Each structure stands twice: as C-alpha cells, then as structure tokens.
Protein backbone atom coordinates (compact mmCIF):
# COMPACT_ATOMS: atom_id res chain seq x y z
CA MET A 1 0.00 0.00 0.00
CA PRO A 2 1.47 3.39 -0.93
CA VAL A 3 2.61 5.71 1.86
CA SER A 4 0.26 8.41 0.56
CA THR A 5 -2.71 6.07 1.04
CA VAL A 6 -1.69 5.36 4.62
CA GLN A 7 -1.23 9.08 5.26
CA SER A 8 -4.67 9.90 3.87
CA LEU A 9 -6.29 7.15 5.97
CA ILE A 10 -4.61 8.45 9.14
CA LYS A 11 -5.71 12.00 8.31
CA LYS A 12 -9.29 10.82 7.72
CA TRP A 13 -9.27 8.94 11.03
CA LYS A 14 -8.04 12.00 12.93
CA ILE A 15 -10.61 14.31 11.36
CA LEU A 16 -13.68 12.05 11.28
CA GLY A 17 -12.85 9.44 13.92
CA SER A 18 -13.80 6.74 11.45
CA LEU A 19 -12.80 5.29 8.10
CA ASN A 20 -16.38 4.70 6.96
CA THR A 21 -17.37 6.37 3.73
CA LYS A 22 -19.89 9.17 3.95
CA PRO A 23 -23.06 9.33 1.86
CA ARG A 24 -22.47 10.94 -1.51
CA SER A 25 -24.57 13.17 -3.64
CA GLY A 26 -26.25 11.86 -6.73
CA ARG A 27 -29.22 9.91 -7.87
CA PRO A 28 -30.10 6.81 -5.80
CA ARG A 29 -29.79 3.41 -7.48
CA LYS A 30 -32.95 2.04 -9.07
CA ILE A 31 -32.13 -1.54 -8.14
CA SER A 32 -30.85 -3.16 -4.97
CA ALA A 33 -27.42 -4.70 -4.61
CA LYS A 34 -29.08 -8.13 -4.41
CA THR A 35 -30.83 -7.61 -7.75
CA ALA A 36 -27.61 -6.35 -9.32
CA ARG A 37 -25.79 -9.51 -8.17
CA ARG A 38 -28.59 -11.64 -9.64
CA ILE A 39 -28.27 -9.87 -13.00
CA VAL A 40 -24.52 -10.43 -13.08
CA GLN A 41 -24.92 -14.09 -12.10
CA ASP A 42 -27.45 -14.65 -14.89
CA ALA A 43 -25.16 -12.96 -17.40
CA ARG A 44 -22.17 -15.06 -16.30
CA LYS A 45 -24.12 -18.32 -16.54
CA ASN A 46 -24.95 -17.66 -20.17
CA SER A 47 -22.88 -15.07 -22.03
CA GLN A 48 -25.31 -15.19 -24.98
CA VAL A 49 -28.29 -14.02 -22.92
CA THR A 50 -29.65 -10.57 -23.81
CA PRO A 51 -30.66 -7.88 -21.31
CA ALA A 52 -34.29 -8.33 -22.36
CA GLU A 53 -34.09 -12.06 -21.54
CA ILE A 54 -32.58 -11.32 -18.13
CA GLN A 55 -35.36 -8.82 -17.48
CA ALA A 56 -38.02 -11.36 -18.46
CA ALA A 57 -36.51 -13.96 -16.12
CA LEU A 58 -36.42 -11.49 -13.24
CA GLU A 59 -40.00 -10.36 -13.87
CA LYS A 60 -41.11 -13.96 -13.49
CA LYS A 61 -39.60 -13.79 -10.00
CA MET A 62 -41.57 -10.59 -9.31
CA VAL A 63 -38.59 -8.28 -9.64
CA TRP A 64 -39.39 -5.24 -11.77
CA LEU A 65 -36.59 -3.47 -13.60
CA LEU A 66 -36.17 -0.82 -16.17
CA GLN A 67 -34.26 -2.05 -19.17
CA GLY A 68 -31.80 0.83 -18.91
CA ALA A 69 -30.84 -0.03 -15.33
CA GLN A 70 -29.53 -3.43 -16.41
CA HIS A 71 -26.73 -1.91 -18.45
CA ASP A 72 -25.41 -0.11 -15.35
CA CYS A 73 -24.66 -3.48 -13.73
CA ILE A 74 -23.21 -5.49 -16.58
C-alpha cells in the first residue's frame, strides 16, 4: 500500500474518527445490490443471454426493472 494512502487514511481517522465512507450526492440506485448480483450471475451463466431475456426472467420472480438499469450493472 502506498505511503500516501496510509497518510490519507490516518488523516481521515483524525478528522472524522472513522474510516467509513460518507453518503455521496447523486441519484439513488434504481435496483438493490441483491438484484444487481442476480443480473450479473445470470449474465455469467450464459454469455449469450440478452438484457431483455434477463429482465423477463427477473420479472417472473416478481422483480421489476427498467431495461436501462440493467446496463449499469453489466
């Protein structure tokens, strides 16, 4: 680990008293981390599967997604 990384971690600890990341600005995710993992697993099982096919499989399991959100995970 570079010395600069260690220095920045020590500085963060002294200022904040913790190394936890703080919430960031920006739009919240449309899908949960669990759903994102499921999408990646489905894509890894079959590399020929299309995003529309993954969406159809997830909808059968009562998970609703927007087609555009799938591309953010894969």
